[in-house]
Amino acid sequence: MDEPLAAAAARDLVELFRRLRARLRQVPSGGLTPSQAAVVLRLHRDGASSTTVLALAEGVRSQSMTATLNALDELGLIARAPDPEDGRRHVITLSEAGRARALADKQGRNAWLAHELGRRYTETELATINEALALLARLGD
């Protein structure tokens, strides 16, 4: 195995994922701020959480996360319930409207990505991308 080649591929792949993730976060999410959209998507992906855990995951202070959660609560996108293990804390989940918003946002990002792939690449290049993705999928096994 060619270690320098593998190291270069790893470095380039990580950088590509970082840039693509940042670009996908810029896809409009129905009027939510990027912070609000990130929290909705995190709750959809990871399930119930607390303010502290969400703040750590998003790299913000608890006070900032509280402001984000208050805005999401006003929009009816989250529900708060007392934590059964610690009455001072709340368990935050998505409301039905929040789950619908998360699914719509996910579909919007997927549609944007499909459109950009179709616009930027030929059918032959898309076939090559799909082959590369099949190879890369083995990393997740």
N, C-alpha and C. Protein backbone atom coordinates (compact mmCIF):
# COMPACT_ATOMS: atom_id res chain seq x y z
N MET A 1 0.84 -1.18 0.00
CA MET A 1 0.00 0.00 0.00
C MET A 1 0.89 1.25 0.00
N ASP A 2 0.47 2.25 -0.71
CA ASP A 2 1.22 3.51 -0.81
C ASP A 2 0.72 4.47 0.28
N GLU A 3 1.46 4.52 1.40
CA GLU A 3 1.05 5.35 2.55
C GLU A 3 0.89 6.83 2.19
N PRO A 4 1.86 7.43 1.47
CA PRO A 4 1.67 8.85 1.13
C PRO A 4 0.43 9.08 0.27
N LEU A 5 0.12 8.15 -0.63
CA LEU A 5 -1.07 8.28 -1.46
C LEU A 5 -2.34 8.18 -0.61
N ALA A 6 -2.35 7.23 0.32
CA ALA A 6 -3.50 7.07 1.22
C ALA A 6 -3.65 8.29 2.12
N ALA A 7 -2.54 8.82 2.62
CA ALA A 7 -2.58 10.00 3.48
C ALA A 7 -3.12 11.21 2.72
N ALA A 8 -2.68 11.38 1.49
CA ALA A 8 -3.17 12.50 0.67
C ALA A 8 -4.66 12.34 0.39
N ALA A 9 -5.09 11.12 0.09
CA ALA A 9 -6.52 10.89 -0.17
C ALA A 9 -7.34 11.18 1.09
N ALA A 10 -6.85 10.74 2.24
CA ALA A 10 -7.56 10.99 3.49
C ALA A 10 -7.68 12.49 3.77
N ARG A 11 -6.58 13.20 3.60
CA ARG A 11 -6.58 14.65 3.83
C ARG A 11 -7.56 15.35 2.88
N ASP A 12 -7.52 14.99 1.61
CA ASP A 12 -8.40 15.62 0.63
C ASP A 12 -9.87 15.28 0.88
N LEU A 13 -10.12 14.05 1.29
CA LEU A 13 -11.49 13.62 1.56
C LEU A 13 -12.07 14.35 2.76
N VAL A 14 -11.30 14.48 3.82
CA VAL A 14 -11.75 15.21 5.00
C VAL A 14 -12.04 16.66 4.65
N GLU A 15 -11.17 17.28 3.87
CA GLU A 15 -11.38 18.68 3.47
C GLU A 15 -12.63 18.81 2.60
N LEU A 16 -12.84 17.87 1.68
CA LEU A 16 -14.04 17.90 0.84
C LEU A 16 -15.30 17.78 1.70
N PHE A 17 -15.30 16.84 2.63
CA PHE A 17 -16.47 16.68 3.51
C PHE A 17 -16.73 17.94 4.31
N ARG A 18 -15.67 18.57 4.82
CA ARG A 18 -15.84 19.80 5.60
C ARG A 18 -16.49 20.88 4.74
N ARG A 19 -15.97 21.08 3.54
CA ARG A 19 -16.51 22.12 2.66
C ARG A 19 -17.93 21.81 2.22
N LEU A 20 -18.20 20.54 1.91
CA LEU A 20 -19.54 20.15 1.48
C LEU A 20 -20.54 20.30 2.62
N ARG A 21 -20.14 19.92 3.83
CA ARG A 21 -21.03 20.08 5.00
C ARG A 21 -21.34 21.55 5.22
N ALA A 22 -20.33 22.41 5.11
CA ALA A 22 -20.54 23.85 5.28
C ALA A 22 -21.47 24.38 4.19
N ARG A 23 -21.30 23.92 2.97
CA ARG A 23 -22.16 24.39 1.87
C ARG A 23 -23.59 23.91 2.04
N LEU A 24 -23.77 22.67 2.50
CA LEU A 24 -25.11 22.15 2.72
C LEU A 24 -25.84 22.91 3.83
N ARG A 25 -25.08 23.40 4.80
CA ARG A 25 -25.70 24.20 5.86
C ARG A 25 -26.20 25.54 5.35
N GLN A 26 -25.70 25.97 4.19
CA GLN A 26 -26.13 27.25 3.61
C GLN A 26 -27.40 27.12 2.78
N VAL A 27 -27.81 25.88 2.49
CA VAL A 27 -29.04 25.70 1.73
C VAL A 27 -30.19 26.25 2.56
N PRO A 28 -31.04 27.11 1.97
CA PRO A 28 -32.13 27.72 2.75
C PRO A 28 -32.98 26.67 3.46
N SER A 29 -33.34 27.00 4.69
CA SER A 29 -34.10 26.05 5.51
C SER A 29 -35.39 26.68 6.01
N GLY A 30 -36.15 27.25 5.12
CA GLY A 30 -37.48 27.73 5.46
C GLY A 30 -37.51 28.84 6.49
N GLY A 31 -36.55 29.74 6.44
CA GLY A 31 -36.58 30.89 7.33
C GLY A 31 -35.87 30.69 8.66
N LEU A 32 -35.34 29.52 8.91
CA LEU A 32 -34.60 29.30 10.15
C LEU A 32 -33.18 29.83 9.98
N THR A 33 -32.61 30.29 11.08
CA THR A 33 -31.20 30.67 11.06
C THR A 33 -30.37 29.39 10.94
N PRO A 34 -29.10 29.50 10.53
CA PRO A 34 -28.27 28.29 10.48
C PRO A 34 -28.19 27.56 11.82
N SER A 35 -28.14 28.31 12.92
CA SER A 35 -28.08 27.68 14.25
C SER A 35 -29.37 26.92 14.55
N GLN A 36 -30.50 27.53 14.24
CA GLN A 36 -31.78 26.87 14.48
C GLN A 36 -31.92 25.62 13.63
N ALA A 37 -31.55 25.73 12.36
CA ALA A 37 -31.64 24.57 11.46
C ALA A 37 -30.73 23.45 11.94
N ALA A 38 -29.53 23.78 12.43
CA ALA A 38 -28.60 22.76 12.91
C ALA A 38 -29.18 22.02 14.12
N VAL A 39 -29.84 22.75 15.02
CA VAL A 39 -30.42 22.11 16.20
C VAL A 39 -31.59 21.21 15.80
N VAL A 40 -32.43 21.68 14.89
CA VAL A 40 -33.55 20.85 14.43
C VAL A 40 -33.01 19.57 13.80
N LEU A 41 -32.01 19.69 12.96
CA LEU A 41 -31.45 18.50 12.32
C LEU A 41 -30.77 17.58 13.32
N ARG A 42 -30.08 18.15 14.31
CA ARG A 42 -29.43 17.32 15.33
C ARG A 42 -30.47 16.56 16.15
N LEU A 43 -31.54 17.23 16.55
CA LEU A 43 -32.59 16.56 17.31
C LEU A 43 -33.26 15.48 16.47
N HIS A 44 -33.41 15.73 15.19
CA HIS A 44 -34.01 14.73 14.31
C HIS A 44 -33.10 13.51 14.18
N ARG A 45 -31.83 13.75 14.04
CA ARG A 45 -30.86 12.67 13.85
C ARG A 45 -30.58 11.92 15.16
N ASP A 46 -30.39 12.67 16.26
CA ASP A 46 -29.92 12.06 17.51
C ASP A 46 -31.02 11.79 18.53
N GLY A 47 -32.18 12.41 18.34
CA GLY A 47 -33.26 12.22 19.30
C GLY A 47 -33.19 13.22 20.44
N ALA A 48 -33.94 12.92 21.50
CA ALA A 48 -34.08 13.81 22.64
C ALA A 48 -32.72 14.20 23.21
N SER A 49 -32.66 15.43 23.75
CA SER A 49 -31.40 15.93 24.28
C SER A 49 -31.69 16.96 25.36
N SER A 50 -30.62 17.53 25.88
CA SER A 50 -30.73 18.61 26.86
C SER A 50 -30.06 19.85 26.28
N THR A 51 -30.31 20.98 26.92
CA THR A 51 -29.67 22.22 26.48
C THR A 51 -28.16 22.10 26.53
N THR A 52 -27.64 21.53 27.60
CA THR A 52 -26.20 21.41 27.78
C THR A 52 -25.57 20.53 26.70
N VAL A 53 -26.19 19.40 26.44
CA VAL A 53 -25.65 18.48 25.44
C VAL A 53 -25.70 19.13 24.05
N LEU A 54 -26.80 19.80 23.74
CA LEU A 54 -26.92 20.48 22.45
C LEU A 54 -25.87 21.58 22.32
N ALA A 55 -25.67 22.34 23.38
CA ALA A 55 -24.67 23.42 23.34
C ALA A 55 -23.28 22.86 23.08
N LEU A 56 -22.93 21.78 23.76
CA LEU A 56 -21.62 21.15 23.54
C LEU A 56 -21.49 20.64 22.11
N ALA A 57 -22.54 20.00 21.62
CA ALA A 57 -22.50 19.43 20.27
C ALA A 57 -22.37 20.50 19.20
N GLU A 58 -22.98 21.65 19.43
CA GLU A 58 -22.95 22.74 18.45
C GLU A 58 -21.82 23.73 18.70
N GLY A 59 -21.09 23.53 19.79
CA GLY A 59 -19.94 24.40 20.07
C GLY A 59 -20.32 25.81 20.49
N VAL A 60 -21.42 25.94 21.25
CA VAL A 60 -21.86 27.26 21.73
C VAL A 60 -22.07 27.20 23.24
N ARG A 61 -22.21 28.37 23.85
CA ARG A 61 -22.49 28.43 25.29
C ARG A 61 -23.95 28.03 25.55
N SER A 62 -24.21 27.56 26.76
CA SER A 62 -25.58 27.16 27.13
C SER A 62 -26.56 28.32 26.96
N GLN A 63 -26.12 29.55 27.27
CA GLN A 63 -27.00 30.71 27.13
C GLN A 63 -27.40 30.92 25.67
N SER A 64 -26.45 30.74 24.76
CA SER A 64 -26.75 30.87 23.33
C SER A 64 -27.71 29.78 22.88
N MET A 65 -27.50 28.57 23.37
CA MET A 65 -28.39 27.47 23.00
C MET A 65 -29.79 27.71 23.55
N THR A 66 -29.88 28.26 24.75
CA THR A 66 -31.19 28.57 25.32
C THR A 66 -31.93 29.56 24.44
N ALA A 67 -31.24 30.56 23.92
CA ALA A 67 -31.88 31.53 23.02
C ALA A 67 -32.35 30.85 21.74
N THR A 68 -31.54 29.96 21.20
CA THR A 68 -31.93 29.22 19.99
C THR A 68 -33.14 28.36 20.27
N LEU A 69 -33.13 27.66 21.40
CA LEU A 69 -34.26 26.79 21.76
C LEU A 69 -35.52 27.60 22.01
N ASN A 70 -35.39 28.77 22.63
CA ASN A 70 -36.57 29.62 22.85
C ASN A 70 -37.20 30.02 21.52
N ALA A 71 -36.37 30.35 20.54
CA ALA A 71 -36.89 30.72 19.22
C ALA A 71 -37.58 29.52 18.57
N LEU A 72 -36.99 28.35 18.67
CA LEU A 72 -37.60 27.15 18.10
C LEU A 72 -38.90 26.80 18.81
N ASP A 73 -38.94 27.04 20.11
CA ASP A 73 -40.16 26.81 20.89
C ASP A 73 -41.27 27.76 20.43
N GLU A 74 -40.94 29.01 20.22
CA GLU A 74 -41.92 29.99 19.74
C GLU A 74 -42.48 29.60 18.37
N LEU A 75 -41.66 28.95 17.56
CA LEU A 75 -42.09 28.50 16.24
C LEU A 75 -42.84 27.17 16.31
N GLY A 76 -42.91 26.59 17.49
CA GLY A 76 -43.61 25.32 17.66
C GLY A 76 -42.86 24.11 17.13
N LEU A 77 -41.53 24.22 17.02
CA LEU A 77 -40.74 23.15 16.43
C LEU A 77 -40.15 22.18 17.46
N ILE A 78 -40.16 22.57 18.73
CA ILE A 78 -39.64 21.67 19.77
C ILE A 78 -40.66 21.56 20.90
N ALA A 79 -40.45 20.54 21.71
CA ALA A 79 -41.23 20.35 22.94
C ALA A 79 -40.23 20.17 24.07
N ARG A 80 -40.59 20.72 25.22
CA ARG A 80 -39.74 20.57 26.42
C ARG A 80 -40.54 19.85 27.49
N ALA A 81 -39.87 18.93 28.17
CA ALA A 81 -40.50 18.20 29.27
C ALA A 81 -39.49 18.09 30.39
N PRO A 82 -39.95 18.06 31.63
CA PRO A 82 -39.00 17.90 32.74
C PRO A 82 -38.23 16.59 32.61
N ASP A 83 -36.94 16.64 32.92
CA ASP A 83 -36.10 15.45 32.89
C ASP A 83 -36.50 14.59 34.08
N PRO A 84 -36.89 13.34 33.84
CA PRO A 84 -37.33 12.49 34.96
C PRO A 84 -36.23 12.19 35.98
N GLU A 85 -34.96 12.34 35.57
CA GLU A 85 -33.85 12.07 36.47
C GLU A 85 -33.36 13.33 37.19
N ASP A 86 -33.66 14.50 36.64
CA ASP A 86 -33.19 15.76 37.23
C ASP A 86 -34.22 16.84 36.92
N GLY A 87 -35.06 17.14 37.88
CA GLY A 87 -36.16 18.07 37.68
C GLY A 87 -35.74 19.48 37.31
N ARG A 88 -34.46 19.81 37.49
CA ARG A 88 -34.00 21.16 37.11
C ARG A 88 -33.76 21.28 35.62
N ARG A 89 -33.60 20.14 34.96
CA ARG A 89 -33.32 20.14 33.52
C ARG A 89 -34.57 19.80 32.72
N HIS A 90 -34.49 20.08 31.42
CA HIS A 90 -35.57 19.70 30.51
C HIS A 90 -35.03 18.78 29.43
N VAL A 91 -35.88 17.88 28.98
CA VAL A 91 -35.58 17.04 27.83
C VAL A 91 -36.23 17.72 26.64
N ILE A 92 -35.43 17.93 25.60
CA ILE A 92 -35.92 18.64 24.42
C ILE A 92 -36.09 17.63 23.29
N THR A 93 -37.25 17.66 22.67
CA THR A 93 -37.54 16.81 21.52
C THR A 93 -38.15 17.67 20.43
N LEU A 94 -38.22 17.11 19.23
CA LEU A 94 -38.91 17.81 18.15
C LEU A 94 -40.40 17.58 18.29
N SER A 95 -41.15 18.62 18.00
CA SER A 95 -42.60 18.47 17.91
C SER A 95 -42.92 17.83 16.56
N GLU A 96 -44.18 17.56 16.32
CA GLU A 96 -44.58 17.03 15.01
C GLU A 96 -44.18 18.00 13.90
N ALA A 97 -44.39 19.30 14.16
CA ALA A 97 -44.00 20.31 13.17
C ALA A 97 -42.48 20.34 12.99
N GLY A 98 -41.73 20.11 14.06
CA GLY A 98 -40.28 20.08 13.98
C GLY A 98 -39.79 18.89 13.16
N ARG A 99 -40.43 17.74 13.35
CA ARG A 99 -40.05 16.57 12.55
C ARG A 99 -40.35 16.81 11.08
N ALA A 100 -41.48 17.42 10.79
CA ALA A 100 -41.83 17.73 9.40
C ALA A 100 -40.82 18.71 8.81
N ARG A 101 -40.42 19.71 9.59
CA ARG A 101 -39.43 20.69 9.11
C ARG A 101 -38.10 20.02 8.84
N ALA A 102 -37.67 19.13 9.75
CA ALA A 102 -36.39 18.43 9.56
C ALA A 102 -36.41 17.59 8.29
N LEU A 103 -37.50 16.89 8.05
CA LEU A 103 -37.60 16.09 6.83
C LEU A 103 -37.59 16.97 5.59
N ALA A 104 -38.32 18.08 5.64
CA ALA A 104 -38.35 19.00 4.49
C ALA A 104 -36.97 19.59 4.24
N ASP A 105 -36.26 19.96 5.29
CA ASP A 105 -34.91 20.51 5.14
C ASP A 105 -33.97 19.47 4.54
N LYS A 106 -34.08 18.23 5.01
CA LYS A 106 -33.23 17.16 4.49
C LYS A 106 -33.52 16.95 3.01
N GLN A 107 -34.78 16.92 2.65
CA GLN A 107 -35.15 16.75 1.24
C GLN A 107 -34.66 17.93 0.41
N GLY A 108 -34.70 19.13 0.97
CA GLY A 108 -34.20 20.31 0.26
C GLY A 108 -32.71 20.24 0.00
N ARG A 109 -31.95 19.79 1.00
CA ARG A 109 -30.51 19.65 0.82
C ARG A 109 -30.19 18.57 -0.20
N ASN A 110 -30.92 17.45 -0.13
CA ASN A 110 -30.70 16.38 -1.10
C ASN A 110 -31.03 16.86 -2.51
N ALA A 111 -32.11 17.62 -2.66
CA ALA A 111 -32.49 18.13 -3.98
C ALA A 111 -31.43 19.10 -4.49
N TRP A 112 -30.93 19.97 -3.61
CA TRP A 112 -29.88 20.91 -4.02
C TRP A 112 -28.66 20.15 -4.50
N LEU A 113 -28.24 19.14 -3.73
CA LEU A 113 -27.04 18.38 -4.09
C LEU A 113 -27.25 17.64 -5.40
N ALA A 114 -28.39 17.01 -5.59
CA ALA A 114 -28.67 16.31 -6.84
C ALA A 114 -28.64 17.27 -8.02
N HIS A 115 -29.23 18.44 -7.84
CA HIS A 115 -29.23 19.45 -8.90
C HIS A 115 -27.81 19.87 -9.25
N GLU A 116 -27.00 20.15 -8.23
CA GLU A 116 -25.62 20.59 -8.46
C GLU A 116 -24.78 19.49 -9.11
N LEU A 117 -24.98 18.25 -8.70
CA LEU A 117 -24.25 17.15 -9.33
C LEU A 117 -24.63 17.04 -10.81
N GLY A 118 -25.94 17.13 -11.08
CA GLY A 118 -26.41 17.04 -12.46
C GLY A 118 -25.93 18.20 -13.32
N ARG A 119 -25.80 19.36 -12.71
CA ARG A 119 -25.39 20.57 -13.43
C ARG A 119 -23.89 20.59 -13.70
N ARG A 120 -23.09 20.07 -12.78
CA ARG A 120 -21.64 20.20 -12.87
C ARG A 120 -20.93 19.02 -13.53
N TYR A 121 -21.60 17.88 -13.61
CA TYR A 121 -20.91 16.67 -14.08
C TYR A 121 -21.67 16.02 -15.24
N THR A 122 -20.91 15.39 -16.12
CA THR A 122 -21.50 14.62 -17.22
C THR A 122 -22.00 13.29 -16.68
N GLU A 123 -22.74 12.57 -17.51
CA GLU A 123 -23.22 11.24 -17.09
C GLU A 123 -22.04 10.30 -16.81
N THR A 124 -21.01 10.40 -17.61
CA THR A 124 -19.83 9.56 -17.39
C THR A 124 -19.16 9.91 -16.06
N GLU A 125 -19.04 11.19 -15.78
CA GLU A 125 -18.44 11.61 -14.51
C GLU A 125 -19.31 11.18 -13.33
N LEU A 126 -20.64 11.27 -13.47
CA LEU A 126 -21.54 10.83 -12.40
C LEU A 126 -21.40 9.33 -12.16
N ALA A 127 -21.21 8.56 -13.22
CA ALA A 127 -20.99 7.12 -13.05
C ALA A 127 -19.69 6.88 -12.28
N THR A 128 -18.65 7.65 -12.58
CA THR A 128 -17.38 7.53 -11.86
C THR A 128 -17.55 7.91 -10.40
N ILE A 129 -18.30 8.98 -10.14
CA ILE A 129 -18.58 9.39 -8.75
C ILE A 129 -19.31 8.28 -8.01
N ASN A 130 -20.30 7.68 -8.65
CA ASN A 130 -21.04 6.59 -8.00
C ASN A 130 -20.15 5.39 -7.72
N GLU A 131 -19.23 5.09 -8.63
CA GLU A 131 -18.28 4.01 -8.39
C GLU A 131 -17.38 4.33 -7.20
N ALA A 132 -16.90 5.57 -7.15
CA ALA A 132 -16.04 5.98 -6.04
C ALA A 132 -16.80 5.92 -4.72
N LEU A 133 -18.06 6.33 -4.74
CA LEU A 133 -18.86 6.28 -3.52
C LEU A 133 -19.07 4.86 -3.04
N ALA A 134 -19.24 3.93 -3.97
CA ALA A 134 -19.38 2.53 -3.60
C ALA A 134 -18.11 2.02 -2.92
N LEU A 135 -16.95 2.45 -3.45
CA LEU A 135 -15.69 2.07 -2.81
C LEU A 135 -15.55 2.70 -1.43
N LEU A 136 -15.88 3.96 -1.33
CA LEU A 136 -15.77 4.67 -0.04
C LEU A 136 -16.75 4.13 1.00
N ALA A 137 -17.86 3.60 0.56
CA ALA A 137 -18.87 3.04 1.48
C ALA A 137 -18.27 1.92 2.31
N ARG A 138 -17.25 1.26 1.80
CA ARG A 138 -16.60 0.18 2.56
C ARG A 138 -15.94 0.70 3.83
N LEU A 139 -15.61 2.01 3.87
CA LEU A 139 -15.03 2.59 5.09
C LEU A 139 -16.02 2.54 6.24
N GLY A 140 -17.30 2.61 5.93
CA GLY A 140 -18.33 2.58 6.97
C GLY A 140 -18.69 1.19 7.44
N ASP A 141 -18.15 0.16 6.78
CA ASP A 141 -18.47 -1.23 7.17
C ASP A 141 -17.63 -1.69 8.34
